């Protein structure tokens, strides 16, 4: 049951919006970063084709993806001679996808954060909206999940039918992908290119490494309360994945406008990451159908259908399971 709910988690939204001064500093930092590497900052993103992300199987239903998206151009830059070997030069990226993820990364770097103690817990609350597949299976189309993960990774908890279920403490640190314990998360590579390679290596078969990396980043952003530097590096790594595209304009996400950036998987669905169009805060994810498709169970899905929305309602550090603030 805990694994199912963990798989269904997919959304982030708790942090306070930054002040106008913080936004100005973030924009200035972005422009300085791009100008430092000789890339122009266009006033308006270019608009191109469309894309879609993939099936993420959650709680017995698959998450699909689709929507009109903008093609982004991402290029990894060569080493900077002036940069010491211990700190690889930041990647050089251009196009609407890279610029949008850079703004999201700069926002992440401004978020307040206090590292948790080993005995503290990460609390994540998600609101899930499901589509036709859930209806066909008789599942709830709307659900809120509340889950806790101890910072040392040795214990977890979930709220089921109003009752708190706490797992037995593990004597050994569970080896899970993606990692959920704070020490492992905090120790991830801080260079986007190195982190992307680390994630690609998590592919069980060695194939579809970019899809695996994309889905792992999506999950890590949704399901954790991350150190600002780690969160920013994950967002910058997304800009280096080929095939990630950006919506040409705001899309509707849980009744609010959002920027959708996504990746087509399996040819007919797209997994989208949603950002606030003003602050570029991470909001959650969704699966959209980009090509008419019939599931093995006979459910007919139409282009444009949103099959899953995972809205991150809260993400914070608490002292004990069951606490929400």
C-alpha atoms as a PDB file:
ATOM      1  CA  UNK A   1       0.000   0.000   0.000  1.00  0.00           C
ATOM      2  CA  UNK A   2       2.811   2.385   0.868  1.00  0.00           C
ATOM      3  CA  UNK A   3       4.569   1.581  -2.411  1.00  0.00           C
ATOM      4  CA  UNK A   4       1.391   2.331  -4.366  1.00  0.00           C
ATOM      5  CA  UNK A   5       0.947   5.701  -2.716  1.00  0.00           C
ATOM      6  CA  UNK A   6       4.612   6.506  -3.077  1.00  0.00           C
ATOM      7  CA  UNK A   7       4.284   5.779  -6.796  1.00  0.00           C
ATOM      8  CA  UNK A   8       1.219   8.021  -7.024  1.00  0.00           C
ATOM      9  CA  UNK A   9       2.900  10.983  -5.400  1.00  0.00           C
ATOM     10  CA  UNK A  10       3.616  13.691  -7.937  1.00  0.00           C
ATOM     11  CA  UNK A  11       3.294  17.368  -7.082  1.00  0.00           C
ATOM     12  CA  UNK A  12       4.951  20.240  -5.173  1.00  0.00           C
ATOM     13  CA  UNK A  13       3.499  23.488  -4.016  1.00  0.00           C
ATOM     14  CA  UNK A  14       4.162  24.487  -0.460  1.00  0.00           C
ATOM     15  CA  UNK A  15       6.852  27.188  -0.440  1.00  0.00           C
ATOM     16  CA  UNK A  16       5.874  30.824   0.041  1.00  0.00           C
ATOM     17  CA  UNK A  17       6.050  32.839  -3.202  1.00  0.00           C
ATOM     18  CA  UNK A  18       9.210  34.967  -3.294  1.00  0.00           C
ATOM     19  CA  UNK A  19       9.049  38.705  -2.700  1.00  0.00           C
ATOM     20  CA  UNK A  20       9.382  41.086  -5.680  1.00  0.00           C
ATOM     21  CA  UNK A  21      12.949  41.767  -4.535  1.00  0.00           C
ATOM     22  CA  UNK A  22      13.758  38.041  -4.572  1.00  0.00           C
ATOM     23  CA  UNK A  23      12.291  37.712  -8.072  1.00  0.00           C
ATOM     24  CA  UNK A  24      14.402  40.629  -9.264  1.00  0.00           C
ATOM     25  CA  UNK A  25      17.514  39.003  -7.805  1.00  0.00           C
ATOM     26  CA  UNK A  26      16.610  35.693  -9.453  1.00  0.00           C
ATOM     27  CA  UNK A  27      16.102  37.289 -12.877  1.00  0.00           C
ATOM     28  CA  UNK A  28      19.335  39.251 -12.508  1.00  0.00           C
ATOM     29  CA  UNK A  29      21.191  36.075 -11.567  1.00  0.00           C
ATOM     30  CA  UNK A  30      19.789  34.269 -14.604  1.00  0.00           C
ATOM     31  CA  UNK A  31      20.754  37.043 -16.987  1.00  0.00           C
ATOM     32  CA  UNK A  32      24.219  37.240 -15.472  1.00  0.00           C
ATOM     33  CA  UNK A  33      24.650  33.457 -15.809  1.00  0.00           C
ATOM     34  CA  UNK A  34      23.610  33.456 -19.461  1.00  0.00           C
ATOM     35  CA  UNK A  35      25.542  36.612 -20.310  1.00  0.00           C
ATOM     36  CA  UNK A  36      28.651  35.110 -18.724  1.00  0.00           C
ATOM     37  CA  UNK A  37      28.592  32.380 -21.364  1.00  0.00           C
ATOM     38  CA  UNK A  38      27.724  34.581 -24.298  1.00  0.00           C
ATOM     39  CA  UNK A  39      24.097  33.485 -24.742  1.00  0.00           C
ATOM     40  CA  UNK A  40      21.413  36.069 -25.414  1.00  0.00           C
ATOM     41  CA  UNK A  41      18.268  36.168 -23.295  1.00  0.00           C
ATOM     42  CA  UNK A  42      15.340  36.495 -25.701  1.00  0.00           C
ATOM     43  CA  UNK A  43      12.410  38.513 -24.488  1.00  0.00           C
ATOM     44  CA  UNK A  44       9.978  35.912 -25.704  1.00  0.00           C
ATOM     45  CA  UNK A  45      10.454  32.141 -26.102  1.00  0.00           C
ATOM     46  CA  UNK A  46      10.485  30.657 -29.592  1.00  0.00           C
ATOM     47  CA  UNK A  47       7.493  28.533 -30.500  1.00  0.00           C
ATOM     48  CA  UNK A  48       7.645  25.246 -32.322  1.00  0.00           C
ATOM     49  CA  UNK A  49       6.187  21.753 -32.403  1.00  0.00           C
ATOM     50  CA  UNK A  50       4.725  19.432 -29.778  1.00  0.00           C
ATOM     51  CA  UNK A  51       5.772  16.566 -27.555  1.00  0.00           C
ATOM     52  CA  UNK A  52       4.501  14.223 -24.868  1.00  0.00           C
ATOM     53  CA  UNK A  53       5.804  12.288 -21.778  1.00  0.00           C
ATOM     54  CA  UNK A  54       5.200   8.741 -20.682  1.00  0.00           C
ATOM     55  CA  UNK A  55       3.357   6.142 -18.665  1.00  0.00           C
ATOM     56  CA  UNK A  56       4.325   6.191 -15.017  1.00  0.00           C
ATOM     57  CA  UNK A  57       2.401   3.290 -13.487  1.00  0.00           C
ATOM     58  CA  UNK A  58       0.937   4.358 -10.187  1.00  0.00           C
ATOM     59  CA  UNK A  59      -1.445   2.475  -7.869  1.00  0.00           C
ATOM     60  CA  UNK A  60      -2.679   0.166 -10.592  1.00  0.00           C
ATOM     61  CA  UNK A  61      -3.176   2.869 -13.203  1.00  0.00           C
ATOM     62  CA  UNK A  62      -0.797   4.290 -15.733  1.00  0.00           C
ATOM     63  CA  UNK A  63      -0.055   7.983 -15.922  1.00  0.00           C
ATOM     64  CA  UNK A  64      -0.147   9.224 -19.515  1.00  0.00           C
ATOM     65  CA  UNK A  65       0.993  12.487 -21.023  1.00  0.00           C
ATOM     66  CA  UNK A  66       0.275  14.979 -23.811  1.00  0.00           C
ATOM     67  CA  UNK A  67      -0.136  18.659 -24.689  1.00  0.00           C
ATOM     68  CA  UNK A  68       1.005  21.313 -27.147  1.00  0.00           C
ATOM     69  CA  UNK A  69       4.621  22.017 -26.295  1.00  0.00           C
ATOM     70  CA  UNK A  70       7.474  24.119 -27.557  1.00  0.00           C
ATOM     71  CA  UNK A  71      10.666  22.487 -28.805  1.00  0.00           C
ATOM     72  CA  UNK A  72      13.690  23.619 -26.792  1.00  0.00           C
ATOM     73  CA  UNK A  73      17.353  23.668 -27.784  1.00  0.00           C
ATOM     74  CA  UNK A  74      19.861  22.593 -25.143  1.00  0.00           C
ATOM     75  CA  UNK A  75      23.599  22.460 -25.637  1.00  0.00           C
ATOM     76  CA  UNK A  76      26.240  21.420 -23.114  1.00  0.00           C
ATOM     77  CA  UNK A  77      29.202  23.789 -23.127  1.00  0.00           C
ATOM     78  CA  UNK A  78      32.867  22.841 -23.046  1.00  0.00           C
ATOM     79  CA  UNK A  79      35.133  23.360 -20.033  1.00  0.00           C
ATOM     80  CA  UNK A  80      35.973  26.894 -18.995  1.00  0.00           C
ATOM     81  CA  UNK A  81      39.751  27.327 -18.659  1.00  0.00           C
ATOM     82  CA  UNK A  82      39.241  29.860 -15.865  1.00  0.00           C
ATOM     83  CA  UNK A  83      37.254  27.368 -13.768  1.00  0.00           C
ATOM     84  CA  UNK A  84      39.204  25.235 -11.275  1.00  0.00           C
ATOM     85  CA  UNK A  85      38.993  21.469 -12.016  1.00  0.00           C
ATOM     86  CA  UNK A  86      37.151  20.831  -8.742  1.00  0.00           C
ATOM     87  CA  UNK A  87      34.197  22.886  -9.966  1.00  0.00           C
ATOM     88  CA  UNK A  88      33.127  22.033 -13.537  1.00  0.00           C
ATOM     89  CA  UNK A  89      31.982  24.985 -15.604  1.00  0.00           C
ATOM     90  CA  UNK A  90      28.193  25.478 -15.683  1.00  0.00           C
ATOM     91  CA  UNK A  91      26.554  24.142 -18.792  1.00  0.00           C
ATOM     92  CA  UNK A  92      25.732  26.639 -21.530  1.00  0.00           C
ATOM     93  CA  UNK A  93      22.115  26.304 -22.597  1.00  0.00           C
ATOM     94  CA  UNK A  94      19.766  28.259 -24.821  1.00  0.00           C
ATOM     95  CA  UNK A  95      16.159  28.131 -25.946  1.00  0.00           C
ATOM     96  CA  UNK A  96      12.888  28.327 -23.998  1.00  0.00           C
ATOM     97  CA  UNK A  97      13.316  24.961 -22.239  1.00  0.00           C
ATOM     98  CA  UNK A  98      16.761  25.758 -20.818  1.00  0.00           C
ATOM     99  CA  UNK A  99      15.782  29.314 -19.898  1.00  0.00           C
ATOM    100  CA  UNK A 100      12.650  28.149 -18.103  1.00  0.00           C
ATOM    101  CA  UNK A 101      14.468  25.474 -16.109  1.00  0.00           C
ATOM    102  CA  UNK A 102      17.204  27.989 -15.250  1.00  0.00           C
ATOM    103  CA  UNK A 103      14.600  30.381 -13.833  1.00  0.00           C
ATOM    104  CA  UNK A 104      13.144  27.479 -11.832  1.00  0.00           C
ATOM    105  CA  UNK A 105      16.635  26.584 -10.579  1.00  0.00           C
ATOM    106  CA  UNK A 106      17.361  30.162  -9.509  1.00  0.00           C
ATOM    107  CA  UNK A 107      14.024  30.237  -7.679  1.00  0.00           C
ATOM    108  CA  UNK A 108      14.909  26.958  -5.926  1.00  0.00           C
ATOM    109  CA  UNK A 109      18.192  28.460  -4.758  1.00  0.00           C
ATOM    110  CA  UNK A 110      16.302  31.277  -2.985  1.00  0.00           C
ATOM    111  CA  UNK A 111      13.958  28.978  -1.039  1.00  0.00           C
ATOM    112  CA  UNK A 112      14.527  28.895   2.734  1.00  0.00           C
ATOM    113  CA  UNK A 113      15.746  25.527   3.994  1.00  0.00           C
ATOM    114  CA  UNK A 114      17.037  24.008   7.229  1.00  0.00           C
ATOM    115  CA  UNK A 115      18.591  20.523   6.937  1.00  0.00           C
ATOM    116  CA  UNK A 116      16.603  17.931   8.905  1.00  0.00           C
ATOM    117  CA  UNK A 117      17.996  16.011  11.838  1.00  0.00           C
ATOM    118  CA  UNK A 118      18.218  12.231  11.307  1.00  0.00           C
ATOM    119  CA  UNK A 119      15.162  11.728  13.552  1.00  0.00           C
ATOM    120  CA  UNK A 120      12.996  14.274  11.727  1.00  0.00           C
ATOM    121  CA  UNK A 121      10.577  13.442   8.929  1.00  0.00           C
ATOM    122  CA  UNK A 122       9.710  14.709   5.460  1.00  0.00           C
ATOM    123  CA  UNK A 123       5.969  15.294   5.062  1.00  0.00           C
ATOM    124  CA  UNK A 124       4.456  15.377   1.566  1.00  0.00           C
ATOM    125  CA  UNK A 125       0.799  15.940   0.714  1.00  0.00           C
ATOM    126  CA  UNK A 126      -0.498  15.342  -2.792  1.00  0.00           C
ATOM    127  CA  UNK A 127      -3.853  15.817  -4.457  1.00  0.00           C
ATOM    128  CA  UNK A 128      -4.454  13.305  -7.258  1.00  0.00           C
ATOM    129  CA  UNK A 129      -6.976  13.688 -10.081  1.00  0.00           C
ATOM    130  CA  UNK A 130      -7.451  10.643 -12.343  1.00  0.00           C
ATOM    131  CA  UNK A 131      -9.162  10.232 -15.726  1.00  0.00           C
ATOM    132  CA  UNK A 132     -10.762   7.579 -17.910  1.00  0.00           C
ATOM    133  CA  UNK A 133      -8.576   4.638 -16.912  1.00  0.00           C
ATOM    134  CA  UNK A 134      -9.430   5.093 -13.240  1.00  0.00           C
ATOM    135  CA  UNK A 135     -13.115   5.425 -14.088  1.00  0.00           C
ATOM    136  CA  UNK A 136     -13.003   2.204 -16.097  1.00  0.00           C
ATOM    137  CA  UNK A 137     -11.403   0.391 -13.146  1.00  0.00           C
ATOM    138  CA  UNK A 138     -13.834   1.823 -10.618  1.00  0.00           C
ATOM    139  CA  UNK A 139     -11.110   3.738  -8.804  1.00  0.00           C
ATOM    140  CA  UNK A 140     -11.557   7.069  -7.062  1.00  0.00           C
ATOM    141  CA  UNK A 141     -10.982   9.906  -9.505  1.00  0.00           C
ATOM    142  CA  UNK A 142      -9.942  12.292  -6.728  1.00  0.00           C
ATOM    143  CA  UNK A 143      -7.766  11.502  -3.744  1.00  0.00           C
ATOM    144  CA  UNK A 144      -5.439  13.221  -1.299  1.00  0.00           C
ATOM    145  CA  UNK A 145      -2.416  11.324   0.011  1.00  0.00           C
ATOM    146  CA  UNK A 146      -0.352  12.200   3.079  1.00  0.00           C
ATOM    147  CA  UNK A 147       2.943  10.442   3.637  1.00  0.00           C
ATOM    148  CA  UNK A 148       6.048  10.761   5.820  1.00  0.00           C
ATOM    149  CA  UNK A 149       9.637   9.587   5.337  1.00  0.00           C
ATOM    150  CA  UNK A 150      12.185   9.676   8.158  1.00  0.00           C
ATOM    151  CA  UNK A 151      15.241  11.684   7.166  1.00  0.00           C
ATOM    152  CA  UNK A 152      17.592   8.740   7.687  1.00  0.00           C
ATOM    153  CA  UNK A 153      15.466   6.638   5.310  1.00  0.00           C
ATOM    154  CA  UNK A 154      14.836   3.833   7.796  1.00  0.00           C
ATOM    155  CA  UNK A 155      11.135   4.371   8.421  1.00  0.00           C
ATOM    156  CA  UNK A 156       8.061   5.665   6.606  1.00  0.00           C
ATOM    157  CA  UNK A 157       4.413   6.354   7.354  1.00  0.00           C
ATOM    158  CA  UNK A 158       1.176   7.003   5.494  1.00  0.00           C
ATOM    159  CA  UNK A 159      -2.346   8.066   6.352  1.00  0.00           C
ATOM    160  CA  UNK A 160      -4.855   5.371   5.306  1.00  0.00           C
ATOM    161  CA  UNK A 161      -8.592   5.823   5.865  1.00  0.00           C
ATOM    162  CA  UNK A 162      -7.871   8.409   8.529  1.00  0.00           C
ATOM    163  CA  UNK A 163      -5.450   6.129  10.405  1.00  0.00           C
ATOM    164  CA  UNK A 164      -1.693   6.634  10.580  1.00  0.00           C
ATOM    165  CA  UNK A 165       0.234   3.535   9.483  1.00  0.00           C
ATOM    166  CA  UNK A 166       3.907   3.575  10.479  1.00  0.00           C
ATOM    167  CA  UNK A 167       6.339   1.035   9.055  1.00  0.00           C
ATOM    168  CA  UNK A 168       8.706  -1.035  11.156  1.00  0.00           C
ATOM    169  CA  UNK A 169      12.110   0.597  11.521  1.00  0.00           C
ATOM    170  CA  UNK A 170      14.689  -0.944   9.208  1.00  0.00           C
ATOM    171  CA  UNK A 171      18.062  -1.921  10.631  1.00  0.00           C
ATOM    172  CA  UNK A 172      19.703  -1.323   7.238  1.00  0.00           C
ATOM    173  CA  UNK A 173      19.190   1.620   4.931  1.00  0.00           C
ATOM    174  CA  UNK A 174      16.798   0.431   2.172  1.00  0.00           C
ATOM    175  CA  UNK A 175      18.355   0.607  -1.278  1.00  0.00           C
ATOM    176  CA  UNK A 176      15.672   2.320  -3.335  1.00  0.00           C
ATOM    177  CA  UNK A 177      15.678   4.241  -6.599  1.00  0.00           C
ATOM    178  CA  UNK A 178      15.321   7.142  -6.517  1.00  0.00           C
ATOM    179  CA  UNK A 179      16.863   7.615  -3.071  1.00  0.00           C
ATOM    180  CA  UNK A 180      14.691   9.081  -0.330  1.00  0.00           C
ATOM    181  CA  UNK A 181      17.036   9.389   2.651  1.00  0.00           C
ATOM    182  CA  UNK A 182      18.412  12.864   3.247  1.00  0.00           C
ATOM    183  CA  UNK A 183      22.147  11.977   3.413  1.00  0.00           C
ATOM    184  CA  UNK A 184      22.047  10.353  -0.042  1.00  0.00           C
ATOM    185  CA  UNK A 185      19.980  13.157  -1.543  1.00  0.00           C
ATOM    186  CA  UNK A 186      22.228  15.843  -0.058  1.00  0.00           C
ATOM    187  CA  UNK A 187      25.307  14.063  -1.394  1.00  0.00           C
ATOM    188  CA  UNK A 188      24.219  13.925  -5.043  1.00  0.00           C
ATOM    189  CA  UNK A 189      26.493  15.517  -7.688  1.00  0.00           C
ATOM    190  CA  UNK A 190      26.171  19.308  -7.834  1.00  0.00           C
ATOM    191  CA  UNK A 191      27.121  19.558 -11.518  1.00  0.00           C
ATOM    192  CA  UNK A 192      24.057  19.053 -13.789  1.00  0.00           C
ATOM    193  CA  UNK A 193      25.981  16.946 -16.295  1.00  0.00           C
ATOM    194  CA  UNK A 194      27.432  14.654 -13.633  1.00  0.00           C
ATOM    195  CA  UNK A 195      24.029  14.289 -11.968  1.00  0.00           C
ATOM    196  CA  UNK A 196      22.379  13.447 -15.290  1.00  0.00           C
ATOM    197  CA  UNK A 197      24.939  10.700 -15.945  1.00  0.00           C
ATOM    198  CA  UNK A 198      24.387   9.335 -12.432  1.00  0.00           C
ATOM    199  CA  UNK A 199      20.638   9.179 -13.114  1.00  0.00           C
ATOM    200  CA  UNK A 200      21.084   7.597 -16.549  1.00  0.00           C
ATOM    201  CA  UNK A 201      23.115   4.854 -14.909  1.00  0.00           C
ATOM    202  CA  UNK A 202      20.056   3.959 -12.814  1.00  0.00           C
ATOM    203  CA  UNK A 203      18.352   2.479 -15.905  1.00  0.00           C
ATOM    204  CA  UNK A 204      17.961  -1.253 -15.131  1.00  0.00           C
ATOM    205  CA  UNK A 205      18.603  -2.365 -18.703  1.00  0.00           C
ATOM    206  CA  UNK A 206      20.928   0.422 -19.751  1.00  0.00           C
ATOM    207  CA  UNK A 207      18.351   1.444 -22.355  1.00  0.00           C
ATOM    208  CA  UNK A 208      16.105   4.486 -22.447  1.00  0.00           C
ATOM    209  CA  UNK A 209      18.496   6.250 -20.092  1.00  0.00           C
ATOM    210  CA  UNK A 210      17.068   9.692 -20.841  1.00  0.00           C
ATOM    211  CA  UNK A 211      13.515   8.586 -20.063  1.00  0.00           C
ATOM    212  CA  UNK A 212      14.669   6.956 -16.843  1.00  0.00           C
ATOM    213  CA  UNK A 213      16.575  10.091 -15.846  1.00  0.00           C
ATOM    214  CA  UNK A 214      13.597  12.331 -16.635  1.00  0.00           C
ATOM    215  CA  UNK A 215      11.174  10.189 -14.619  1.00  0.00           C
ATOM    216  CA  UNK A 216      13.568   9.916 -11.675  1.00  0.00           C
ATOM    217  CA  UNK A 217      14.002  13.696 -11.539  1.00  0.00           C
ATOM    218  CA  UNK A 218      10.246  14.171 -11.772  1.00  0.00           C
ATOM    219  CA  UNK A 219       9.746  11.773  -8.863  1.00  0.00           C
ATOM    220  CA  UNK A 220      12.516  13.318  -6.752  1.00  0.00           C
ATOM    221  CA  UNK A 221      11.075  16.811  -7.167  1.00  0.00           C
ATOM    222  CA  UNK A 222       7.602  15.569  -6.175  1.00  0.00           C
ATOM    223  CA  UNK A 223       8.360  13.261  -3.308  1.00  0.00           C
ATOM    224  CA  UNK A 224      10.989  15.015  -1.210  1.00  0.00           C
ATOM    225  CA  UNK A 225      11.926  18.216   0.554  1.00  0.00           C
ATOM    226  CA  UNK A 226      15.266  18.819  -1.147  1.00  0.00           C
ATOM    227  CA  UNK A 227      18.234  21.029  -0.279  1.00  0.00           C
ATOM    228  CA  UNK A 228      18.084  24.114  -2.536  1.00  0.00           C
ATOM    229  CA  UNK A 229      21.321  23.228  -4.324  1.00  0.00           C
ATOM    230  CA  UNK A 230      20.171  19.690  -5.100  1.00  0.00           C
ATOM    231  CA  UNK A 231      16.784  20.884  -6.335  1.00  0.00           C
ATOM    232  CA  UNK A 232      18.425  23.503  -8.562  1.00  0.00           C
ATOM    233  CA  UNK A 233      20.839  20.922 -10.009  1.00  0.00           C
ATOM    234  CA  UNK A 234      17.976  18.529 -10.801  1.00  0.00           C
ATOM    235  CA  UNK A 235      16.151  21.297 -12.669  1.00  0.00           C
ATOM    236  CA  UNK A 236      19.268  22.231 -14.640  1.00  0.00           C
ATOM    237  CA  UNK A 237      19.847  18.562 -15.494  1.00  0.00           C
ATOM    238  CA  UNK A 238      16.357  18.435 -17.035  1.00  0.00           C
ATOM    239  CA  UNK A 239      17.474  21.099 -19.530  1.00  0.00           C
ATOM    240  CA  UNK A 240      20.169  18.728 -20.787  1.00  0.00           C
ATOM    241  CA  UNK A 241      17.802  15.855 -21.643  1.00  0.00           C
ATOM    242  CA  UNK A 242      17.056  15.665 -25.394  1.00  0.00           C
ATOM    243  CA  UNK A 243      13.380  15.699 -26.323  1.00  0.00           C
ATOM    244  CA  UNK A 244      12.087  17.819 -23.449  1.00  0.00           C
ATOM    245  CA  UNK A 245       9.790  20.560 -24.755  1.00  0.00           C
ATOM    246  CA  UNK A 246       7.907  23.553 -23.382  1.00  0.00           C
ATOM    247  CA  UNK A 247       4.279  24.556 -23.819  1.00  0.00           C
ATOM    248  CA  UNK A 248       3.778  27.571 -26.058  1.00  0.00           C
ATOM    249  CA  UNK A 249       1.670  29.228 -23.388  1.00  0.00           C
ATOM    250  CA  UNK A 250       0.182  28.591 -19.944  1.00  0.00           C
ATOM    251  CA  UNK A 251      -1.915  25.439 -19.523  1.00  0.00           C
ATOM    252  CA  UNK A 252      -4.653  24.765 -16.980  1.00  0.00           C
ATOM    253  CA  UNK A 253      -3.361  22.780 -14.008  1.00  0.00           C
ATOM    254  CA  UNK A 254      -5.739  22.189 -11.136  1.00  0.00           C
ATOM    255  CA  UNK A 255      -7.643  25.337 -12.082  1.00  0.00           C
ATOM    256  CA  UNK A 256      -4.603  27.600 -12.297  1.00  0.00           C
ATOM    257  CA  UNK A 257      -2.233  28.598 -15.111  1.00  0.00           C
ATOM    258  CA  UNK A 258       1.069  26.744 -15.329  1.00  0.00           C
ATOM    259  CA  UNK A 259       4.011  26.258 -17.674  1.00  0.00           C
ATOM    260  CA  UNK A 260       4.212  22.662 -18.901  1.00  0.00           C
ATOM    261  CA  UNK A 261       7.548  21.093 -19.788  1.00  0.00           C
ATOM    262  CA  UNK A 262       7.382  17.491 -20.845  1.00  0.00           C
ATOM    263  CA  UNK A 263       8.814  14.448 -22.553  1.00  0.00           C
ATOM    264  CA  UNK A 264       7.053  12.054 -24.920  1.00  0.00           C
ATOM    265  CA  UNK A 265       7.278   8.426 -23.875  1.00  0.00           C
ATOM    266  CA  UNK A 266       5.957   5.359 -25.682  1.00  0.00           C
ATOM    267  CA  UNK A 267       4.888   7.556 -28.574  1.00  0.00           C
ATOM    268  CA  UNK A 268       1.387   8.534 -27.421  1.00  0.00           C
ATOM    269  CA  UNK A 269       1.618  10.022 -23.916  1.00  0.00           C
ATOM    270  CA  UNK A 270       3.581  12.846 -22.348  1.00  0.00           C
ATOM    271  CA  UNK A 271       4.754  13.314 -18.784  1.00  0.00           C
ATOM    272  CA  UNK A 272       4.647  17.001 -17.914  1.00  0.00           C
ATOM    273  CA  UNK A 273       6.398  18.895 -15.166  1.00  0.00           C
ATOM    274  CA  UNK A 274       4.391  21.985 -14.178  1.00  0.00           C
ATOM    275  CA  UNK A 275       5.860  25.288 -13.016  1.00  0.00           C
ATOM    276  CA  UNK A 276       4.271  28.500 -11.805  1.00  0.00           C
ATOM    277  CA  UNK A 277       4.420  30.961 -14.738  1.00  0.00           C
ATOM    278  CA  UNK A 278       5.469  33.874 -12.484  1.00  0.00           C
ATOM    279  CA  UNK A 279       7.760  32.408  -9.814  1.00  0.00           C
ATOM    280  CA  UNK A 280       8.751  29.200 -11.671  1.00  0.00           C
ATOM    281  CA  UNK A 281       8.082  27.200  -8.495  1.00  0.00           C
ATOM    282  CA  UNK A 282       7.580  23.456  -9.048  1.00  0.00           C
ATOM    283  CA  UNK A 283       3.843  22.670  -8.808  1.00  0.00           C
ATOM    284  CA  UNK A 284       3.518  19.014  -9.725  1.00  0.00           C
ATOM    285  CA  UNK A 285       3.066  16.763 -12.722  1.00  0.00           C
ATOM    286  CA  UNK A 286       0.498  15.389 -15.114  1.00  0.00           C
ATOM    287  CA  UNK A 287       0.069  12.805 -17.871  1.00  0.00           C
ATOM    288  CA  UNK A 288      -1.540  13.919 -21.125  1.00  0.00           C
ATOM    289  CA  UNK A 289      -2.537  11.861 -24.161  1.00  0.00           C
ATOM    290  CA  UNK A 290      -0.903  13.207 -27.339  1.00  0.00           C
ATOM    291  CA  UNK A 291      -2.191  10.629 -29.780  1.00  0.00           C
ATOM    292  CA  UNK A 292      -5.459   8.665 -29.801  1.00  0.00           C
ATOM    293  CA  UNK A 293      -4.840   5.348 -28.096  1.00  0.00           C
ATOM    294  CA  UNK A 294      -6.717   2.296 -26.854  1.00  0.00           C
ATOM    295  CA  UNK A 295      -5.376   0.562 -23.752  1.00  0.00           C
ATOM    296  CA  UNK A 296      -5.101  -3.246 -23.540  1.00  0.00           C
ATOM    297  CA  UNK A 297      -8.245  -3.133 -21.394  1.00  0.00           C
ATOM    298  CA  UNK A 298     -10.124  -1.382 -24.209  1.00  0.00           C
ATOM    299  CA  UNK A 299     -10.234   2.130 -22.749  1.00  0.00           C
ATOM    300  CA  UNK A 300     -10.218   4.643 -25.599  1.00  0.00           C
ATOM    301  CA  UNK A 301      -8.122   7.704 -24.924  1.00  0.00           C
ATOM    302  CA  UNK A 302      -8.280  10.813 -27.066  1.00  0.00           C
ATOM    303  CA  UNK A 303      -5.573  13.312 -27.859  1.00  0.00           C
ATOM    304  CA  UNK A 304      -5.674  16.032 -25.227  1.00  0.00           C
ATOM    305  CA  UNK A 305      -7.107  13.824 -22.454  1.00  0.00           C
ATOM    306  CA  UNK A 306      -5.448  14.494 -19.096  1.00  0.00           C
ATOM    307  CA  UNK A 307      -5.263  11.106 -17.411  1.00  0.00           C
ATOM    308  CA  UNK A 308      -3.475  12.032 -14.199  1.00  0.00           C
ATOM    309  CA  UNK A 309      -2.784  15.255 -12.333  1.00  0.00           C
ATOM    310  CA  UNK A 310      -0.532  15.112  -9.265  1.00  0.00           C
ATOM    311  CA  UNK A 311      -0.638  18.416  -7.404  1.00  0.00           C
ATOM    312  CA  UNK A 312       1.901  18.974  -4.658  1.00  0.00           C
ATOM    313  CA  UNK A 313      -0.029  20.608  -1.850  1.00  0.00           C
ATOM    314  CA  UNK A 314       2.621  20.552   0.875  1.00  0.00           C
ATOM    315  CA  UNK A 315       6.212  19.539   1.466  1.00  0.00           C
ATOM    316  CA  UNK A 316       7.976  20.300   4.752  1.00  0.00           C
ATOM    317  CA  UNK A 317      10.124  18.938   7.557  1.00  0.00           C
ATOM    318  CA  UNK A 318       8.290  17.836  10.727  1.00  0.00           C
ATOM    319  CA  UNK A 319       9.320  16.234  14.012  1.00  0.00           C
ATOM    320  CA  UNK A 320       7.151  13.104  13.907  1.00  0.00           C
ATOM    321  CA  UNK A 321       4.882  11.087  11.578  1.00  0.00           C
ATOM    322  CA  UNK A 322       1.324  12.368  11.661  1.00  0.00           C
ATOM    323  CA  UNK A 323       2.452  15.994  11.960  1.00  0.00           C
ATOM    324  CA  UNK A 324       1.638  18.248   9.012  1.00  0.00           C
ATOM    325  CA  UNK A 325       3.171  21.532  10.095  1.00  0.00           C
END
